[in-house]
């Protein structure tokens, strides 16, 4: 994880960062609801943005430095 990079956490913030072309890499949890993560993955494919998948939401939350589950997160440019 790049400590100097800015990160937004949560599906809404992740989608917002994607729509503003501010995201350079996306993290998605494999155990999150598909209706939450699929729109994010679709935009990533469209814009050719790298997706890093985590096994579960706890692992993703921990990796971005929060102690709660997270379905998605974005590393900002």
N, C-alpha and C. Protein backbone atom coordinates (compact mmCIF):
# COMPACT_ATOMS: atom_id res chain seq x y z
N UNK A 1 0.85 -1.19 0.00
CA UNK A 1 0.00 0.00 0.00
C UNK A 1 0.89 1.25 0.00
N UNK A 2 0.58 2.17 -0.89
CA UNK A 2 1.35 3.41 -0.99
C UNK A 2 0.89 4.40 0.08
N UNK A 3 1.73 4.63 1.06
CA UNK A 3 1.36 5.48 2.19
C UNK A 3 1.12 6.93 1.77
N UNK A 4 1.84 7.39 0.73
CA UNK A 4 1.69 8.80 0.34
C UNK A 4 0.50 9.03 -0.59
N UNK A 5 -0.12 7.97 -1.06
CA UNK A 5 -1.27 8.10 -1.95
C UNK A 5 -2.53 8.41 -1.15
N UNK A 6 -3.43 9.20 -1.73
CA UNK A 6 -4.72 9.46 -1.10
C UNK A 6 -5.68 8.35 -1.50
N UNK A 7 -6.50 7.94 -0.54
CA UNK A 7 -7.42 6.84 -0.77
C UNK A 7 -8.82 7.26 -0.36
N UNK A 8 -9.80 6.87 -1.16
CA UNK A 8 -11.19 7.03 -0.74
C UNK A 8 -11.75 5.63 -0.50
N UNK A 9 -12.59 5.52 0.51
CA UNK A 9 -13.10 4.22 0.92
C UNK A 9 -14.62 4.21 0.83
N UNK A 10 -15.15 3.10 0.33
CA UNK A 10 -16.59 2.96 0.20
C UNK A 10 -17.01 2.98 -1.26
N UNK A 11 -18.10 2.30 -1.56
CA UNK A 11 -18.52 2.17 -2.95
C UNK A 11 -18.96 3.50 -3.56
N UNK A 12 -19.66 4.31 -2.81
CA UNK A 12 -20.13 5.61 -3.35
C UNK A 12 -18.95 6.52 -3.68
N UNK A 13 -18.00 6.62 -2.73
CA UNK A 13 -16.84 7.48 -2.96
C UNK A 13 -15.97 6.93 -4.09
N UNK A 14 -15.89 5.61 -4.18
CA UNK A 14 -15.10 4.98 -5.24
C UNK A 14 -15.71 5.29 -6.61
N UNK A 15 -17.02 5.14 -6.73
CA UNK A 15 -17.70 5.47 -7.99
C UNK A 15 -17.54 6.95 -8.33
N UNK A 16 -17.63 7.81 -7.31
CA UNK A 16 -17.47 9.25 -7.54
C UNK A 16 -16.07 9.54 -8.07
N UNK A 17 -15.06 8.93 -7.46
CA UNK A 17 -13.68 9.14 -7.93
C UNK A 17 -13.51 8.66 -9.37
N UNK A 18 -14.13 7.53 -9.70
CA UNK A 18 -14.06 7.02 -11.07
C UNK A 18 -14.73 7.98 -12.05
N UNK A 19 -15.90 8.49 -11.68
CA UNK A 19 -16.64 9.38 -12.59
C UNK A 19 -15.89 10.69 -12.82
N UNK A 20 -15.08 11.09 -11.85
CA UNK A 20 -14.29 12.32 -11.98
C UNK A 20 -12.90 12.05 -12.56
N UNK A 21 -12.65 10.82 -12.96
CA UNK A 21 -11.33 10.43 -13.49
C UNK A 21 -10.20 10.71 -12.50
N UNK A 22 -10.48 10.51 -11.22
CA UNK A 22 -9.47 10.75 -10.18
C UNK A 22 -8.82 9.47 -9.68
N UNK A 23 -9.36 8.32 -10.07
CA UNK A 23 -8.87 7.04 -9.53
C UNK A 23 -7.82 6.43 -10.44
N UNK A 24 -6.75 5.91 -9.84
CA UNK A 24 -5.74 5.23 -10.65
C UNK A 24 -5.73 3.72 -10.40
N UNK A 25 -6.27 3.30 -9.26
CA UNK A 25 -6.34 1.86 -8.95
C UNK A 25 -7.53 1.65 -8.03
N UNK A 26 -8.21 0.52 -8.21
CA UNK A 26 -9.41 0.24 -7.42
C UNK A 26 -9.21 -1.07 -6.65
N UNK A 27 -9.66 -1.07 -5.42
CA UNK A 27 -9.67 -2.28 -4.61
C UNK A 27 -11.12 -2.71 -4.42
N UNK A 28 -11.40 -3.99 -4.67
CA UNK A 28 -12.75 -4.53 -4.52
C UNK A 28 -12.68 -5.80 -3.69
N UNK A 29 -13.65 -5.95 -2.79
CA UNK A 29 -13.74 -7.15 -1.97
C UNK A 29 -14.57 -8.20 -2.70
N UNK A 30 -14.07 -9.43 -2.75
CA UNK A 30 -14.78 -10.51 -3.43
C UNK A 30 -16.07 -10.92 -2.72
N UNK A 31 -16.15 -10.66 -1.41
CA UNK A 31 -17.35 -11.11 -0.68
C UNK A 31 -18.40 -10.01 -0.53
N UNK A 32 -18.17 -8.86 -1.17
CA UNK A 32 -19.17 -7.78 -1.12
C UNK A 32 -20.31 -8.12 -2.09
N UNK A 33 -21.47 -7.52 -1.85
CA UNK A 33 -22.62 -7.75 -2.73
C UNK A 33 -22.30 -7.32 -4.15
N UNK A 34 -22.70 -8.16 -5.10
CA UNK A 34 -22.41 -7.90 -6.51
C UNK A 34 -23.06 -6.60 -6.99
N UNK A 35 -24.26 -6.29 -6.48
CA UNK A 35 -24.92 -5.06 -6.93
C UNK A 35 -24.16 -3.81 -6.47
N UNK A 36 -23.27 -3.98 -5.50
CA UNK A 36 -22.43 -2.88 -5.02
C UNK A 36 -21.15 -2.79 -5.85
N UNK A 37 -20.53 -3.93 -6.13
CA UNK A 37 -19.22 -3.92 -6.78
C UNK A 37 -19.25 -3.98 -8.30
N UNK A 38 -20.30 -4.54 -8.88
CA UNK A 38 -20.35 -4.68 -10.34
C UNK A 38 -20.30 -3.34 -11.06
N UNK A 39 -21.07 -2.32 -10.63
CA UNK A 39 -20.97 -1.02 -11.34
C UNK A 39 -19.55 -0.45 -11.30
N UNK A 40 -18.85 -0.67 -10.20
CA UNK A 40 -17.47 -0.19 -10.07
C UNK A 40 -16.56 -0.94 -11.05
N UNK A 41 -16.70 -2.27 -11.08
CA UNK A 41 -15.89 -3.09 -11.98
C UNK A 41 -16.17 -2.74 -13.44
N UNK A 42 -17.44 -2.47 -13.76
CA UNK A 42 -17.81 -2.12 -15.13
C UNK A 42 -17.13 -0.83 -15.58
N UNK A 43 -17.13 0.18 -14.71
CA UNK A 43 -16.49 1.46 -15.04
C UNK A 43 -14.99 1.26 -15.19
N UNK A 44 -14.41 0.42 -14.34
CA UNK A 44 -12.96 0.15 -14.42
C UNK A 44 -12.60 -0.48 -15.76
N UNK A 45 -13.41 -1.43 -16.21
CA UNK A 45 -13.15 -2.08 -17.51
C UNK A 45 -13.26 -1.05 -18.63
N UNK A 46 -14.29 -0.23 -18.55
CA UNK A 46 -14.53 0.81 -19.55
C UNK A 46 -13.35 1.78 -19.64
N UNK A 47 -12.82 2.17 -18.49
CA UNK A 47 -11.75 3.17 -18.43
C UNK A 47 -10.36 2.53 -18.33
N UNK A 48 -10.31 1.21 -18.36
CA UNK A 48 -9.04 0.48 -18.31
C UNK A 48 -8.24 0.80 -17.05
N UNK A 49 -8.94 0.73 -15.90
CA UNK A 49 -8.32 0.99 -14.61
C UNK A 49 -8.11 -0.34 -13.88
N UNK A 50 -6.93 -0.50 -13.31
CA UNK A 50 -6.58 -1.75 -12.63
C UNK A 50 -7.46 -1.99 -11.40
N UNK A 51 -7.91 -3.25 -11.27
CA UNK A 51 -8.67 -3.66 -10.09
C UNK A 51 -7.84 -4.67 -9.31
N UNK A 52 -7.71 -4.44 -8.00
CA UNK A 52 -7.06 -5.40 -7.12
C UNK A 52 -8.16 -6.01 -6.25
N UNK A 53 -8.29 -7.33 -6.30
CA UNK A 53 -9.35 -7.99 -5.54
C UNK A 53 -8.82 -8.50 -4.20
N UNK A 54 -9.63 -8.33 -3.16
CA UNK A 54 -9.33 -8.86 -1.84
C UNK A 54 -10.33 -9.96 -1.53
N UNK A 55 -9.91 -10.95 -0.76
CA UNK A 55 -10.78 -12.09 -0.45
C UNK A 55 -12.03 -11.69 0.31
N UNK A 56 -11.88 -10.75 1.25
CA UNK A 56 -13.06 -10.34 2.02
C UNK A 56 -12.98 -8.87 2.42
N UNK A 57 -14.11 -8.35 2.89
CA UNK A 57 -14.21 -6.92 3.20
C UNK A 57 -13.34 -6.53 4.39
N UNK A 58 -13.15 -7.44 5.34
CA UNK A 58 -12.30 -7.15 6.50
C UNK A 58 -10.86 -6.94 6.05
N UNK A 59 -10.38 -7.83 5.16
CA UNK A 59 -9.02 -7.75 4.63
C UNK A 59 -8.80 -6.43 3.87
N UNK A 60 -9.78 -6.05 3.08
CA UNK A 60 -9.70 -4.79 2.33
C UNK A 60 -9.68 -3.60 3.29
N UNK A 61 -10.56 -3.60 4.27
CA UNK A 61 -10.59 -2.52 5.25
C UNK A 61 -9.26 -2.37 5.97
N UNK A 62 -8.70 -3.49 6.41
CA UNK A 62 -7.42 -3.49 7.11
C UNK A 62 -6.31 -2.96 6.21
N UNK A 63 -6.31 -3.35 4.94
CA UNK A 63 -5.23 -2.95 4.04
C UNK A 63 -5.24 -1.45 3.75
N UNK A 64 -6.43 -0.82 3.87
CA UNK A 64 -6.48 0.63 3.65
C UNK A 64 -6.46 1.40 4.96
N UNK A 65 -6.24 0.69 6.06
CA UNK A 65 -6.00 1.35 7.34
C UNK A 65 -7.24 1.68 8.15
N UNK A 66 -8.34 0.97 7.90
CA UNK A 66 -9.52 1.18 8.74
C UNK A 66 -9.88 -0.14 9.42
N UNK A 67 -10.56 -0.05 10.55
CA UNK A 67 -10.91 -1.26 11.30
C UNK A 67 -12.34 -1.70 11.06
N UNK A 68 -12.88 -1.35 9.91
CA UNK A 68 -14.22 -1.80 9.54
C UNK A 68 -14.15 -2.42 8.15
N UNK A 69 -15.18 -3.20 7.83
CA UNK A 69 -15.23 -3.83 6.52
C UNK A 69 -15.44 -2.78 5.42
N UNK A 70 -14.85 -3.05 4.26
CA UNK A 70 -15.02 -2.15 3.12
C UNK A 70 -15.27 -2.98 1.86
N UNK A 71 -16.27 -2.58 1.08
CA UNK A 71 -16.57 -3.29 -0.16
C UNK A 71 -15.63 -2.84 -1.28
N UNK A 72 -15.26 -1.54 -1.24
CA UNK A 72 -14.42 -1.00 -2.31
C UNK A 72 -13.64 0.20 -1.81
N UNK A 73 -12.53 0.47 -2.49
CA UNK A 73 -11.72 1.64 -2.19
C UNK A 73 -11.00 2.04 -3.48
N UNK A 74 -10.61 3.31 -3.55
CA UNK A 74 -9.90 3.80 -4.73
C UNK A 74 -8.64 4.54 -4.30
N UNK A 75 -7.56 4.28 -5.02
CA UNK A 75 -6.33 5.05 -4.85
C UNK A 75 -6.42 6.20 -5.84
N UNK A 76 -6.30 7.42 -5.35
CA UNK A 76 -6.43 8.59 -6.21
C UNK A 76 -5.13 8.94 -6.90
N UNK A 77 -5.25 9.57 -8.05
CA UNK A 77 -4.07 9.97 -8.82
C UNK A 77 -3.29 11.05 -8.11
